[in-house]
Amino acid sequence: MYETGKTAQVAAEMMKFNLTVLGISESRWTGPGQKRLTSGELLLYSGHEQEDAAH
């Protein structure tokens, strides 16, 4: 999901399939956090603390 627009694509797919919760593995994001998407969804994530950690 590093690429520009990938979070928007995920949000669109969630709406398409009427999903309210979705788990994504191996996103390669570091540290915990949250991000509100422009479409209104709240993205919660928790990754490794170090960028070079084995996934």
Protein backbone atom coordinates (compact mmCIF):
# COMPACT_ATOMS: atom_id res chain seq x y z
CA MET A 1 0.00 0.00 0.00
CA TYR A 2 3.01 2.31 -0.36
CA GLU A 3 1.95 3.36 -3.84
CA THR A 4 -0.13 6.51 -4.22
CA GLY A 5 -3.83 5.73 -4.40
CA LYS A 6 -3.66 2.23 -2.94
CA THR A 7 -5.58 3.19 0.21
CA ALA A 8 -8.28 4.74 -1.97
CA GLN A 9 -8.41 1.53 -4.01
CA VAL A 10 -8.81 -0.52 -0.82
CA ALA A 11 -11.63 1.78 0.36
CA ALA A 12 -13.38 1.43 -3.02
CA GLU A 13 -13.13 -2.37 -2.86
CA MET A 14 -14.54 -2.36 0.67
CA MET A 15 -17.53 -0.33 -0.52
CA LYS A 16 -17.96 -2.60 -3.57
CA PHE A 17 -18.22 -5.70 -1.38
CA ASN A 18 -20.09 -3.93 1.46
CA LEU A 19 -17.32 -4.60 4.01
CA THR A 20 -17.06 -2.68 7.27
CA VAL A 21 -13.91 -4.40 8.57
CA LEU A 22 -10.94 -5.63 6.54
CA GLY A 23 -7.65 -7.14 7.67
CA ILE A 24 -4.60 -6.59 5.48
CA SER A 25 -1.33 -8.41 6.02
CA GLU A 26 2.16 -7.49 4.83
CA SER A 27 1.43 -3.83 4.18
CA ARG A 28 5.05 -2.96 5.08
CA TRP A 29 4.03 0.08 7.14
CA THR A 30 6.16 0.74 10.22
CA GLY A 31 4.90 1.46 13.72
CA PRO A 32 1.31 1.72 14.91
CA GLY A 33 -1.07 4.46 13.87
CA GLN A 34 -4.29 5.50 12.25
CA LYS A 35 -5.24 7.49 9.18
CA ARG A 36 -8.58 8.95 8.16
CA LEU A 37 -9.06 8.50 4.41
CA THR A 38 -10.59 11.23 2.27
CA SER A 39 -13.58 8.93 1.73
CA GLY A 40 -14.18 8.91 5.51
CA GLU A 41 -12.94 5.43 6.45
CA LEU A 42 -10.57 5.04 9.38
CA LEU A 43 -7.49 2.95 8.66
CA LEU A 44 -5.80 1.42 11.72
CA TYR A 45 -2.40 -0.20 11.34
CA SER A 46 0.31 -1.78 13.41
CA GLY A 47 3.63 -2.69 11.84
CA HIS A 48 7.20 -3.40 12.84
CA GLU A 49 9.08 -0.67 14.67
CA GLN A 50 12.04 -0.81 12.26
CA GLU A 51 11.81 -0.36 8.49
CA ASP A 52 14.33 -3.13 7.81
CA ALA A 53 12.63 -5.71 10.07
CA ALA A 54 11.84 -9.10 8.56
CA HIS A 55 8.18 -9.35 7.60
